Amino acid sequence: MALSFPDYLDLDYTAGRDESADAYPTLEDKLEKAASVTRTALEQYERPAIMWTGGKDSTVVLYVVREVAADLGVPVPPVVFIDHFEHFDETEAFVHEWTDRWNLDLIVARNEDFARIGAEPGDEIPLSDLSESTRRELARLGYEGDTIVLDADTFEGNHLLKTVALNDVITEHGFDGIFSGVRWDEQDARADETFFSPRHDSEKYPPHDRVHSILQFTEADIWGAFWNYIVPDAVDGYPVGHVPQTTNDLPEGTHPTDLPVSPKYFEGFRSLGTESGSSKSDDRPAWVQDLAASKERAGRAQDKENLMERLRDLGYM
């Protein structure tokens, strides 16, 4: 693990502090800021990467990176998909399908310790079956049990299956800047984030930066970006600004699988986590729902346990 962060960067790590989405009143303002942050990152980081979950936020990040990279004439950085063993099948299929369509360099990151023993969600695993490094991570969390249940929605499980997997891939590939699709309005633990967020403490994680290019977006803005930019760009003839009210409300000859939109959003999910830890409160597509009437991540088990601040300090997104 690197002990210090590279000194070739000239970044304002305070940019965005004390700001809110109100500082960027239109969708165009928000996209312009996202492009500006992205341009700076692509010009300064030597080994950037994009965290891509297949979800709506990281897909907007990916879209902006692809557009700016094309403008700059540079390759699109690798995209990192964290396999925490509990994805919806549709999520994994979506990621691989659009990896091919967009010709992306996909890196699948997972905690190989659990893959090695063939663990599945819900399994109770003796700590003695795990590697010394995994046991060391659990000790760092203060975990005192002799077994652990494989569950990405618990504090320990999230750290081992997501954060450790991410830290390992950062170390393996030497990534210095990680594009991440977090937003100010999404979760209280992210409300104070900055556009360039340092993760330089080598005692916690491999030193790197997080690049938060869409902090200024609201949930509604995210869907606005899809129907006005991302979908029309990906689907020939799709009318700019057409917001489908149902799967039957698509242009003639267009099927939901033609769109770079996870099918789970059509089913009514607003935030995609683990299969067991995500739920929906409405059967209408996510963008049709009253987005102001409830919290976007209310169905996420991980959030119900108020773990985000502790997880962020360990290196989670």
C-alpha atoms as a PDB file:
ATOM      1  CA  MET A   1       0.000   0.000   0.000  1.00  0.00           C
ATOM      2  CA  ALA A   2       1.261   3.479  -0.867  1.00  0.00           C
ATOM      3  CA  LEU A   3       2.249   5.465   2.182  1.00  0.00           C
ATOM      4  CA  SER A   4       1.718   8.912   0.721  1.00  0.00           C
ATOM      5  CA  PHE A   5      -0.416  10.522  -1.954  1.00  0.00           C
ATOM      6  CA  PRO A   6       1.118  11.746  -5.220  1.00  0.00           C
ATOM      7  CA  ASP A   7       2.151  15.391  -5.268  1.00  0.00           C
ATOM      8  CA  TYR A   8       1.436  15.974  -8.963  1.00  0.00           C
ATOM      9  CA  LEU A   9      -2.119  17.187  -8.308  1.00  0.00           C
ATOM     10  CA  ASP A  10      -3.242  20.802  -8.002  1.00  0.00           C
ATOM     11  CA  LEU A  11      -6.785  20.576  -6.650  1.00  0.00           C
ATOM     12  CA  ASP A  12      -9.074  22.601  -4.444  1.00  0.00           C
ATOM     13  CA  TYR A  13     -10.256  20.077  -1.894  1.00  0.00           C
ATOM     14  CA  THR A  14     -12.657  22.630  -0.402  1.00  0.00           C
ATOM     15  CA  ALA A  15     -14.609  23.172  -3.647  1.00  0.00           C
ATOM     16  CA  GLY A  16     -18.285  22.542  -2.958  1.00  0.00           C
ATOM     17  CA  ARG A  17     -18.081  22.946   0.788  1.00  0.00           C
ATOM     18  CA  ASP A  18     -21.110  24.801   2.188  1.00  0.00           C
ATOM     19  CA  GLU A  19     -22.828  24.604  -1.196  1.00  0.00           C
ATOM     20  CA  SER A  20     -26.125  22.977  -2.073  1.00  0.00           C
ATOM     21  CA  ALA A  21     -28.005  21.992  -5.202  1.00  0.00           C
ATOM     22  CA  ASP A  22     -29.618  25.453  -5.142  1.00  0.00           C
ATOM     23  CA  ALA A  23     -26.325  26.926  -6.347  1.00  0.00           C
ATOM     24  CA  TYR A  24     -26.958  25.150  -9.669  1.00  0.00           C
ATOM     25  CA  PRO A  25     -30.576  26.033 -10.501  1.00  0.00           C
ATOM     26  CA  THR A  26     -30.993  24.337 -13.885  1.00  0.00           C
ATOM     27  CA  LEU A  27     -30.156  20.888 -15.213  1.00  0.00           C
ATOM     28  CA  GLU A  28     -27.783  22.517 -17.663  1.00  0.00           C
ATOM     29  CA  ASP A  29     -25.991  24.285 -14.800  1.00  0.00           C
ATOM     30  CA  LYS A  30     -25.578  20.964 -12.999  1.00  0.00           C
ATOM     31  CA  LEU A  31     -24.298  19.187 -16.096  1.00  0.00           C
ATOM     32  CA  GLU A  32     -21.890  22.016 -16.840  1.00  0.00           C
ATOM     33  CA  LYS A  33     -20.454  21.724 -13.321  1.00  0.00           C
ATOM     34  CA  ALA A  34     -20.232  17.937 -13.635  1.00  0.00           C
ATOM     35  CA  ALA A  35     -18.332  18.333 -16.890  1.00  0.00           C
ATOM     36  CA  SER A  36     -15.982  20.909 -15.341  1.00  0.00           C
ATOM     37  CA  VAL A  37     -15.143  18.647 -12.388  1.00  0.00           C
ATOM     38  CA  THR A  38     -14.713  15.707 -14.744  1.00  0.00           C
ATOM     39  CA  ARG A  39     -12.441  17.645 -17.080  1.00  0.00           C
ATOM     40  CA  THR A  40     -10.182  18.666 -14.202  1.00  0.00           C
ATOM     41  CA  ALA A  41     -10.027  15.069 -12.983  1.00  0.00           C
ATOM     42  CA  LEU A  42      -9.217  13.594 -16.394  1.00  0.00           C
ATOM     43  CA  GLU A  43      -6.496  16.180 -16.889  1.00  0.00           C
ATOM     44  CA  GLN A  44      -4.853  15.704 -13.502  1.00  0.00           C
ATOM     45  CA  TYR A  45      -5.181  12.096 -12.369  1.00  0.00           C
ATOM     46  CA  GLU A  46      -2.818   9.605 -13.939  1.00  0.00           C
ATOM     47  CA  ARG A  47      -4.874   6.488 -13.142  1.00  0.00           C
ATOM     48  CA  PRO A  48      -8.545   7.415 -12.663  1.00  0.00           C
ATOM     49  CA  ALA A  49     -11.380   4.896 -12.503  1.00  0.00           C
ATOM     50  CA  ILE A  50     -15.174   5.080 -12.371  1.00  0.00           C
ATOM     51  CA  MET A  51     -17.260   3.346  -9.740  1.00  0.00           C
ATOM     52  CA  TRP A  52     -20.227   1.946 -11.650  1.00  0.00           C
ATOM     53  CA  THR A  53     -23.007   0.091  -9.873  1.00  0.00           C
ATOM     54  CA  GLY A  54     -25.378   0.013 -12.830  1.00  0.00           C
ATOM     55  CA  GLY A  55     -27.566   2.408 -10.857  1.00  0.00           C
ATOM     56  CA  LYS A  56     -28.883   5.748 -12.003  1.00  0.00           C
ATOM     57  CA  ASP A  57     -26.367   8.021 -10.260  1.00  0.00           C
ATOM     58  CA  SER A  58     -23.207   6.231 -11.338  1.00  0.00           C
ATOM     59  CA  THR A  59     -24.609   5.934 -14.866  1.00  0.00           C
ATOM     60  CA  VAL A  60     -24.930   9.732 -15.024  1.00  0.00           C
ATOM     61  CA  VAL A  61     -21.322  10.000 -13.819  1.00  0.00           C
ATOM     62  CA  LEU A  62     -20.260   7.509 -16.484  1.00  0.00           C
ATOM     63  CA  TYR A  63     -22.147   9.409 -19.185  1.00  0.00           C
ATOM     64  CA  VAL A  64     -20.436  12.691 -18.315  1.00  0.00           C
ATOM     65  CA  VAL A  65     -17.007  11.032 -18.176  1.00  0.00           C
ATOM     66  CA  ARG A  66     -17.551   9.450 -21.592  1.00  0.00           C
ATOM     67  CA  GLU A  67     -18.613  12.797 -23.075  1.00  0.00           C
ATOM     68  CA  VAL A  68     -15.702  14.751 -21.595  1.00  0.00           C
ATOM     69  CA  ALA A  69     -13.183  12.042 -22.480  1.00  0.00           C
ATOM     70  CA  ALA A  70     -14.376  12.215 -26.094  1.00  0.00           C
ATOM     71  CA  ASP A  71     -13.983  16.003 -26.081  1.00  0.00           C
ATOM     72  CA  LEU A  72     -10.454  15.712 -24.665  1.00  0.00           C
ATOM     73  CA  GLY A  73      -9.512  12.852 -26.959  1.00  0.00           C
ATOM     74  CA  VAL A  74      -8.520  10.580 -24.078  1.00  0.00           C
ATOM     75  CA  PRO A  75      -9.617   7.024 -23.252  1.00  0.00           C
ATOM     76  CA  VAL A  76     -12.552   6.432 -20.921  1.00  0.00           C
ATOM     77  CA  PRO A  77     -11.086   5.235 -17.613  1.00  0.00           C
ATOM     78  CA  PRO A  78     -11.794   1.696 -16.425  1.00  0.00           C
ATOM     79  CA  VAL A  79     -15.115   1.130 -14.694  1.00  0.00           C
ATOM     80  CA  VAL A  80     -15.191  -0.799 -11.413  1.00  0.00           C
ATOM     81  CA  PHE A  81     -18.195  -2.895 -10.478  1.00  0.00           C
ATOM     82  CA  ILE A  82     -18.181  -4.255  -6.925  1.00  0.00           C
ATOM     83  CA  ASP A  83     -19.608  -7.748  -6.711  1.00  0.00           C
ATOM     84  CA  HIS A  84     -20.936  -8.037  -3.160  1.00  0.00           C
ATOM     85  CA  PHE A  85     -22.634 -11.396  -3.910  1.00  0.00           C
ATOM     86  CA  GLU A  86     -26.151  -9.972  -3.403  1.00  0.00           C
ATOM     87  CA  HIS A  87     -26.982  -8.051  -6.564  1.00  0.00           C
ATOM     88  CA  PHE A  88     -30.250  -8.399  -8.388  1.00  0.00           C
ATOM     89  CA  ASP A  89     -29.669 -10.643 -11.400  1.00  0.00           C
ATOM     90  CA  GLU A  90     -31.012  -7.810 -13.542  1.00  0.00           C
ATOM     91  CA  THR A  91     -28.351  -5.440 -12.203  1.00  0.00           C
ATOM     92  CA  GLU A  92     -25.486  -7.719 -13.176  1.00  0.00           C
ATOM     93  CA  ALA A  93     -27.020  -8.401 -16.579  1.00  0.00           C
ATOM     94  CA  PHE A  94     -27.492  -4.676 -17.168  1.00  0.00           C
ATOM     95  CA  VAL A  95     -23.862  -3.886 -16.299  1.00  0.00           C
ATOM     96  CA  HIS A  96     -22.466  -6.531 -18.621  1.00  0.00           C
ATOM     97  CA  GLU A  97     -24.857  -5.629 -21.449  1.00  0.00           C
ATOM     98  CA  TRP A  98     -23.956  -1.943 -21.435  1.00  0.00           C
ATOM     99  CA  THR A  99     -20.281  -2.672 -20.863  1.00  0.00           C
ATOM    100  CA  ASP A 100     -20.385  -4.332 -24.273  1.00  0.00           C
ATOM    101  CA  ARG A 101     -22.540  -1.651 -25.914  1.00  0.00           C
ATOM    102  CA  TRP A 102     -20.344   1.174 -24.674  1.00  0.00           C
ATOM    103  CA  ASN A 103     -17.079  -0.748 -25.111  1.00  0.00           C
ATOM    104  CA  LEU A 104     -16.021  -0.191 -21.517  1.00  0.00           C
ATOM    105  CA  ASP A 105     -13.009  -1.603 -19.707  1.00  0.00           C
ATOM    106  CA  LEU A 106     -14.828  -3.369 -16.861  1.00  0.00           C
ATOM    107  CA  ILE A 107     -13.094  -4.488 -13.675  1.00  0.00           C
ATOM    108  CA  VAL A 108     -15.163  -6.657 -11.352  1.00  0.00           C
ATOM    109  CA  ALA A 109     -13.973  -6.241  -7.780  1.00  0.00           C
ATOM    110  CA  ARG A 110     -14.913  -8.731  -5.089  1.00  0.00           C
ATOM    111  CA  ASN A 111     -13.610  -9.978  -1.776  1.00  0.00           C
ATOM    112  CA  GLU A 112     -11.824 -13.043  -3.104  1.00  0.00           C
ATOM    113  CA  ASP A 113     -11.622 -14.545   0.364  1.00  0.00           C
ATOM    114  CA  PHE A 114     -15.364 -15.245   0.335  1.00  0.00           C
ATOM    115  CA  ALA A 115     -15.313 -16.286  -3.322  1.00  0.00           C
ATOM    116  CA  ARG A 116     -12.524 -18.770  -2.537  1.00  0.00           C
ATOM    117  CA  ILE A 117     -14.644 -20.675  -0.032  1.00  0.00           C
ATOM    118  CA  GLY A 118     -17.775 -20.514  -2.185  1.00  0.00           C
ATOM    119  CA  ALA A 119     -19.724 -18.466   0.364  1.00  0.00           C
ATOM    120  CA  GLU A 120     -23.281 -17.389  -0.413  1.00  0.00           C
ATOM    121  CA  PRO A 121     -25.507 -14.719   1.174  1.00  0.00           C
ATOM    122  CA  GLY A 122     -26.785 -15.840   4.551  1.00  0.00           C
ATOM    123  CA  ASP A 123     -24.034 -18.395   5.161  1.00  0.00           C
ATOM    124  CA  GLU A 124     -22.570 -18.441   8.664  1.00  0.00           C
ATOM    125  CA  ILE A 125     -18.834 -18.686   8.182  1.00  0.00           C
ATOM    126  CA  PRO A 126     -16.281 -19.615  10.862  1.00  0.00           C
ATOM    127  CA  LEU A 127     -13.606 -16.947  11.096  1.00  0.00           C
ATOM    128  CA  SER A 128     -11.064 -19.749  11.031  1.00  0.00           C
ATOM    129  CA  ASP A 129     -12.017 -20.333   7.369  1.00  0.00           C
ATOM    130  CA  LEU A 130     -11.077 -16.781   6.450  1.00  0.00           C
ATOM    131  CA  SER A 131      -7.684 -15.372   5.617  1.00  0.00           C
ATOM    132  CA  GLU A 132      -5.519 -13.529   8.080  1.00  0.00           C
ATOM    133  CA  SER A 133      -6.128 -10.240   6.258  1.00  0.00           C
ATOM    134  CA  THR A 134      -9.927 -10.624   6.506  1.00  0.00           C
ATOM    135  CA  ARG A 135      -9.699 -11.500  10.198  1.00  0.00           C
ATOM    136  CA  ARG A 136      -7.508  -8.438  10.659  1.00  0.00           C
ATOM    137  CA  GLU A 137     -10.155  -6.229   9.039  1.00  0.00           C
ATOM    138  CA  LEU A 138     -12.796  -7.645  11.401  1.00  0.00           C
ATOM    139  CA  ALA A 139     -10.557  -7.011  14.388  1.00  0.00           C
ATOM    140  CA  ARG A 140     -10.137  -3.434  13.194  1.00  0.00           C
ATOM    141  CA  LEU A 141     -13.911  -3.080  13.405  1.00  0.00           C
ATOM    142  CA  GLY A 142     -13.945  -4.460  16.941  1.00  0.00           C
ATOM    143  CA  TYR A 143     -15.700  -7.653  15.876  1.00  0.00           C
ATOM    144  CA  GLU A 144     -15.436 -10.366  18.524  1.00  0.00           C
ATOM    145  CA  GLY A 145     -17.502 -13.274  17.167  1.00  0.00           C
ATOM    146  CA  ASP A 146     -16.192 -16.669  16.104  1.00  0.00           C
ATOM    147  CA  THR A 147     -18.411 -16.733  12.999  1.00  0.00           C
ATOM    148  CA  ILE A 148     -19.812 -14.143  10.636  1.00  0.00           C
ATOM    149  CA  VAL A 149     -22.938 -14.201   8.472  1.00  0.00           C
ATOM    150  CA  LEU A 150     -22.359 -13.148   4.875  1.00  0.00           C
ATOM    151  CA  ASP A 151     -24.631 -10.102   4.583  1.00  0.00           C
ATOM    152  CA  ALA A 152     -23.628  -6.977   2.666  1.00  0.00           C
ATOM    153  CA  ASP A 153     -26.170  -4.859   4.556  1.00  0.00           C
ATOM    154  CA  THR A 154     -24.522  -5.245   7.962  1.00  0.00           C
ATOM    155  CA  PHE A 155     -21.713  -2.995   9.137  1.00  0.00           C
ATOM    156  CA  GLU A 156     -19.130  -5.789   9.007  1.00  0.00           C
ATOM    157  CA  GLY A 157     -20.479  -7.289   5.797  1.00  0.00           C
ATOM    158  CA  ASN A 158     -20.550  -3.972   3.969  1.00  0.00           C
ATOM    159  CA  HIS A 159     -16.962  -3.290   4.961  1.00  0.00           C
ATOM    160  CA  LEU A 160     -15.670  -6.720   3.956  1.00  0.00           C
ATOM    161  CA  LEU A 161     -17.681  -7.138   0.761  1.00  0.00           C
ATOM    162  CA  LYS A 162     -17.638  -3.583  -0.598  1.00  0.00           C
ATOM    163  CA  THR A 163     -14.985  -1.395   1.008  1.00  0.00           C
ATOM    164  CA  VAL A 164     -12.275  -4.035   1.248  1.00  0.00           C
ATOM    165  CA  ALA A 165     -12.984  -5.104  -2.342  1.00  0.00           C
ATOM    166  CA  LEU A 166     -12.685  -1.485  -3.489  1.00  0.00           C
ATOM    167  CA  ASN A 167      -9.493  -0.869  -1.520  1.00  0.00           C
ATOM    168  CA  ASP A 168      -7.956  -4.025  -2.954  1.00  0.00           C
ATOM    169  CA  VAL A 169      -8.685  -3.001  -6.529  1.00  0.00           C
ATOM    170  CA  ILE A 170      -7.347   0.519  -5.906  1.00  0.00           C
ATOM    171  CA  THR A 171      -4.133  -0.996  -4.596  1.00  0.00           C
ATOM    172  CA  GLU A 172      -3.850  -3.563  -7.396  1.00  0.00           C
ATOM    173  CA  HIS A 173      -4.320  -1.051 -10.213  1.00  0.00           C
ATOM    174  CA  GLY A 174      -2.778   2.012  -8.583  1.00  0.00           C
ATOM    175  CA  PHE A 175      -5.868   4.162  -9.082  1.00  0.00           C
ATOM    176  CA  ASP A 176      -5.407   7.715  -7.795  1.00  0.00           C
ATOM    177  CA  GLY A 177      -8.858   9.209  -8.481  1.00  0.00           C
ATOM    178  CA  ILE A 178     -12.174   7.365  -8.178  1.00  0.00           C
ATOM    179  CA  PHE A 179     -15.291   8.860  -9.770  1.00  0.00           C
ATOM    180  CA  SER A 180     -18.238   8.160  -7.465  1.00  0.00           C
ATOM    181  CA  GLY A 181     -21.923   8.961  -7.942  1.00  0.00           C
ATOM    182  CA  VAL A 182     -22.819  10.449  -4.567  1.00  0.00           C
ATOM    183  CA  ARG A 183     -25.114  13.444  -4.132  1.00  0.00           C
ATOM    184  CA  TRP A 184     -25.568  16.001  -1.379  1.00  0.00           C
ATOM    185  CA  ASP A 185     -29.297  15.336  -1.061  1.00  0.00           C
ATOM    186  CA  GLU A 186     -29.088  11.546  -1.086  1.00  0.00           C
ATOM    187  CA  GLN A 187     -27.964  10.785   2.460  1.00  0.00           C
ATOM    188  CA  ASP A 188     -27.067  12.867   5.526  1.00  0.00           C
ATOM    189  CA  ALA A 189     -23.571  11.382   5.732  1.00  0.00           C
ATOM    190  CA  ARG A 190     -22.834  12.800   2.251  1.00  0.00           C
ATOM    191  CA  ALA A 191     -24.231  16.303   2.756  1.00  0.00           C
ATOM    192  CA  ASP A 192     -20.801  17.805   3.509  1.00  0.00           C
ATOM    193  CA  GLU A 193     -18.882  16.147   0.685  1.00  0.00           C
ATOM    194  CA  THR A 194     -16.709  18.173  -1.688  1.00  0.00           C
ATOM    195  CA  PHE A 195     -16.158  17.728  -5.407  1.00  0.00           C
ATOM    196  CA  PHE A 196     -12.633  16.420  -4.815  1.00  0.00           C
ATOM    197  CA  SER A 197     -12.621  14.467  -1.584  1.00  0.00           C
ATOM    198  CA  PRO A 198      -9.280  13.234  -0.194  1.00  0.00           C
ATOM    199  CA  ARG A 199      -8.782   9.723   1.136  1.00  0.00           C
ATOM    200  CA  HIS A 200      -5.114  10.050   2.034  1.00  0.00           C
ATOM    201  CA  ASP A 201      -4.854   8.272   5.396  1.00  0.00           C
ATOM    202  CA  SER A 202      -2.814   5.164   4.565  1.00  0.00           C
ATOM    203  CA  GLU A 203      -3.780   3.601   7.896  1.00  0.00           C
ATOM    204  CA  LYS A 204      -7.362   3.340   6.640  1.00  0.00           C
ATOM    205  CA  TYR A 205      -7.186   2.871   2.862  1.00  0.00           C
ATOM    206  CA  PRO A 206      -4.820   3.099  -0.101  1.00  0.00           C
ATOM    207  CA  PRO A 207      -4.353   6.862  -0.553  1.00  0.00           C
ATOM    208  CA  HIS A 208      -6.527   8.239  -3.341  1.00  0.00           C
ATOM    209  CA  ASP A 209      -9.177  10.868  -4.055  1.00  0.00           C
ATOM    210  CA  ARG A 210     -12.890  10.528  -4.648  1.00  0.00           C
ATOM    211  CA  VAL A 211     -14.249  12.617  -7.505  1.00  0.00           C
ATOM    212  CA  HIS A 212     -17.851  13.637  -6.829  1.00  0.00           C
ATOM    213  CA  SER A 213     -19.001  15.209 -10.065  1.00  0.00           C
ATOM    214  CA  ILE A 214     -22.777  15.032  -9.456  1.00  0.00           C
ATOM    215  CA  LEU A 215     -23.047  16.269  -5.863  1.00  0.00           C
ATOM    216  CA  GLN A 216     -25.236  19.129  -7.123  1.00  0.00           C
ATOM    217  CA  PHE A 217     -27.902  16.855  -8.624  1.00  0.00           C
ATOM    218  CA  THR A 218     -31.219  15.971  -6.998  1.00  0.00           C
ATOM    219  CA  GLU A 219     -33.009  12.714  -7.681  1.00  0.00           C
ATOM    220  CA  ALA A 220     -35.286  14.518 -10.135  1.00  0.00           C
ATOM    221  CA  ASP A 221     -32.253  16.016 -11.901  1.00  0.00           C
ATOM    222  CA  ILE A 222     -30.790  12.558 -12.361  1.00  0.00           C
ATOM    223  CA  TRP A 223     -33.883  11.416 -14.228  1.00  0.00           C
ATOM    224  CA  GLY A 224     -33.912  14.665 -16.171  1.00  0.00           C
ATOM    225  CA  ALA A 225     -30.397  13.843 -17.389  1.00  0.00           C
ATOM    226  CA  PHE A 226     -31.579  10.401 -18.503  1.00  0.00           C
ATOM    227  CA  TRP A 227     -34.577  11.496 -20.553  1.00  0.00           C
ATOM    228  CA  ASN A 228     -32.962  14.592 -22.041  1.00  0.00           C
ATOM    229  CA  TYR A 229     -29.424  13.342 -22.674  1.00  0.00           C
ATOM    230  CA  ILE A 230     -28.426   9.775 -21.818  1.00  0.00           C
ATOM    231  CA  VAL A 231     -31.322   7.861 -23.354  1.00  0.00           C
ATOM    232  CA  PRO A 232     -31.606   9.967 -26.559  1.00  0.00           C
ATOM    233  CA  ASP A 233     -27.841   9.622 -26.986  1.00  0.00           C
ATOM    234  CA  ALA A 234     -28.009   5.830 -26.638  1.00  0.00           C
ATOM    235  CA  VAL A 235     -31.240   5.080 -28.548  1.00  0.00           C
ATOM    236  CA  ASP A 236     -31.550   6.213 -32.165  1.00  0.00           C
ATOM    237  CA  GLY A 237     -34.657   8.297 -32.694  1.00  0.00           C
ATOM    238  CA  TYR A 238     -35.632   8.549 -29.036  1.00  0.00           C
ATOM    239  CA  PRO A 239     -37.404  11.907 -28.599  1.00  0.00           C
ATOM    240  CA  VAL A 240     -35.470  14.231 -26.316  1.00  0.00           C
ATOM    241  CA  GLY A 241     -37.379  14.846 -23.098  1.00  0.00           C
ATOM    242  CA  HIS A 242     -39.897  12.029 -23.499  1.00  0.00           C
ATOM    243  CA  VAL A 243     -40.564  10.602 -20.025  1.00  0.00           C
ATOM    244  CA  PRO A 244     -42.291   7.199 -20.256  1.00  0.00           C
ATOM    245  CA  GLN A 245     -45.081   6.751 -17.751  1.00  0.00           C
ATOM    246  CA  THR A 246     -45.063   2.951 -18.165  1.00  0.00           C
ATOM    247  CA  THR A 247     -43.170   0.345 -20.180  1.00  0.00           C
ATOM    248  CA  ASN A 248     -45.928   0.694 -22.770  1.00  0.00           C
ATOM    249  CA  ASP A 249     -45.287   4.408 -23.151  1.00  0.00           C
ATOM    250  CA  LEU A 250     -42.096   4.102 -25.167  1.00  0.00           C
ATOM    251  CA  PRO A 251     -41.662   5.186 -28.790  1.00  0.00           C
ATOM    252  CA  GLU A 252     -42.854   2.628 -31.316  1.00  0.00           C
ATOM    253  CA  GLY A 253     -40.286  -0.115 -31.794  1.00  0.00           C
ATOM    254  CA  THR A 254     -38.469   0.740 -28.542  1.00  0.00           C
ATOM    255  CA  HIS A 255     -38.279  -1.826 -25.741  1.00  0.00           C
ATOM    256  CA  PRO A 256     -37.163  -1.143 -22.141  1.00  0.00           C
ATOM    257  CA  THR A 257     -34.065  -3.290 -22.765  1.00  0.00           C
ATOM    258  CA  ASP A 258     -33.010  -0.813 -25.468  1.00  0.00           C
ATOM    259  CA  LEU A 259     -32.575   1.875 -22.811  1.00  0.00           C
ATOM    260  CA  PRO A 260     -29.534   2.348 -20.546  1.00  0.00           C
ATOM    261  CA  VAL A 261     -31.918   2.250 -17.583  1.00  0.00           C
ATOM    262  CA  SER A 262     -31.942  -0.653 -15.134  1.00  0.00           C
ATOM    263  CA  PRO A 263     -35.214  -2.617 -15.400  1.00  0.00           C
ATOM    264  CA  LYS A 264     -35.547  -2.448 -11.610  1.00  0.00           C
ATOM    265  CA  TYR A 265     -36.332   1.267 -11.929  1.00  0.00           C
ATOM    266  CA  PHE A 266     -39.207   0.446 -14.244  1.00  0.00           C
ATOM    267  CA  GLU A 267     -40.472  -1.911 -11.520  1.00  0.00           C
ATOM    268  CA  GLY A 268     -40.589   0.935  -8.992  1.00  0.00           C
ATOM    269  CA  PHE A 269     -37.277   0.707  -7.137  1.00  0.00           C
ATOM    270  CA  ARG A 270     -35.744   4.114  -6.526  1.00  0.00           C
ATOM    271  CA  SER A 271     -32.431   2.972  -5.032  1.00  0.00           C
ATOM    272  CA  LEU A 272     -30.706  -0.310  -5.853  1.00  0.00           C
ATOM    273  CA  GLY A 273     -28.729  -2.109  -3.169  1.00  0.00           C
ATOM    274  CA  THR A 274     -28.723  -5.773  -2.270  1.00  0.00           C
ATOM    275  CA  GLU A 275     -31.564  -7.982  -3.439  1.00  0.00           C
ATOM    276  CA  SER A 276     -32.597  -8.721   0.152  1.00  0.00           C
ATOM    277  CA  GLY A 277     -32.010  -5.199   1.428  1.00  0.00           C
ATOM    278  CA  SER A 278     -33.816  -3.153  -1.231  1.00  0.00           C
ATOM    279  CA  SER A 279     -37.548  -2.596  -1.395  1.00  0.00           C
ATOM    280  CA  LYS A 280     -39.998  -0.426  -3.282  1.00  0.00           C
ATOM    281  CA  SER A 281     -42.979   1.535  -2.034  1.00  0.00           C
ATOM    282  CA  ASP A 282     -44.676   2.013  -5.403  1.00  0.00           C
ATOM    283  CA  ASP A 283     -45.191  -0.082  -8.517  1.00  0.00           C
ATOM    284  CA  ARG A 284     -44.842   2.867 -10.868  1.00  0.00           C
ATOM    285  CA  PRO A 285     -41.479   3.592 -12.507  1.00  0.00           C
ATOM    286  CA  ALA A 286     -39.133   5.444 -10.165  1.00  0.00           C
ATOM    287  CA  TRP A 287     -39.239   8.765 -12.068  1.00  0.00           C
ATOM    288  CA  VAL A 288     -43.055   8.827 -12.102  1.00  0.00           C
ATOM    289  CA  GLN A 289     -43.355   8.618  -8.328  1.00  0.00           C
ATOM    290  CA  ASP A 290     -43.693  11.641  -6.044  1.00  0.00           C
ATOM    291  CA  LEU A 291     -39.986  11.979  -5.327  1.00  0.00           C
ATOM    292  CA  ALA A 292     -40.501  14.632  -2.658  1.00  0.00           C
ATOM    293  CA  ALA A 293     -42.984  12.580  -0.663  1.00  0.00           C
ATOM    294  CA  SER A 294     -40.549   9.987   0.683  1.00  0.00           C
ATOM    295  CA  LYS A 295     -36.853   9.365   1.125  1.00  0.00           C
ATOM    296  CA  GLU A 296     -35.106   7.897  -1.873  1.00  0.00           C
ATOM    297  CA  ARG A 297     -33.171   5.309   0.127  1.00  0.00           C
ATOM    298  CA  ALA A 298     -35.949   4.480   2.594  1.00  0.00           C
ATOM    299  CA  GLY A 299     -35.995   0.897   1.326  1.00  0.00           C
ATOM    300  CA  ARG A 300     -32.265   0.330   1.840  1.00  0.00           C
ATOM    301  CA  ALA A 301     -31.553  -1.897   4.861  1.00  0.00           C
ATOM    302  CA  GLN A 302     -28.067  -0.506   5.123  1.00  0.00           C
ATOM    303  CA  ASP A 303     -29.397   3.005   5.749  1.00  0.00           C
ATOM    304  CA  LYS A 304     -31.937   1.889   8.330  1.00  0.00           C
ATOM    305  CA  GLU A 305     -29.080   0.930  10.620  1.00  0.00           C
ATOM    306  CA  ASN A 306     -27.513   4.395  10.381  1.00  0.00           C
ATOM    307  CA  LEU A 307     -24.199   2.962   9.314  1.00  0.00           C
ATOM    308  CA  MET A 308     -23.200   5.401   6.595  1.00  0.00           C
ATOM    309  CA  GLU A 309     -20.995   7.742   8.598  1.00  0.00           C
ATOM    310  CA  ARG A 310     -18.943   4.912  10.080  1.00  0.00           C
ATOM    311  CA  LEU A 311     -18.715   3.186   6.705  1.00  0.00           C
ATOM    312  CA  ARG A 312     -17.589   6.359   4.972  1.00  0.00           C
ATOM    313  CA  ASP A 313     -14.764   6.750   7.488  1.00  0.00           C
ATOM    314  CA  LEU A 314     -13.571   3.273   6.501  1.00  0.00           C
ATOM    315  CA  GLY A 315     -13.572   4.121   2.805  1.00  0.00           C
ATOM    316  CA  TYR A 316     -17.086   3.264   1.643  1.00  0.00           C
ATOM    317  CA  MET A 317     -18.637   5.486  -1.054  1.00  0.00           C
END
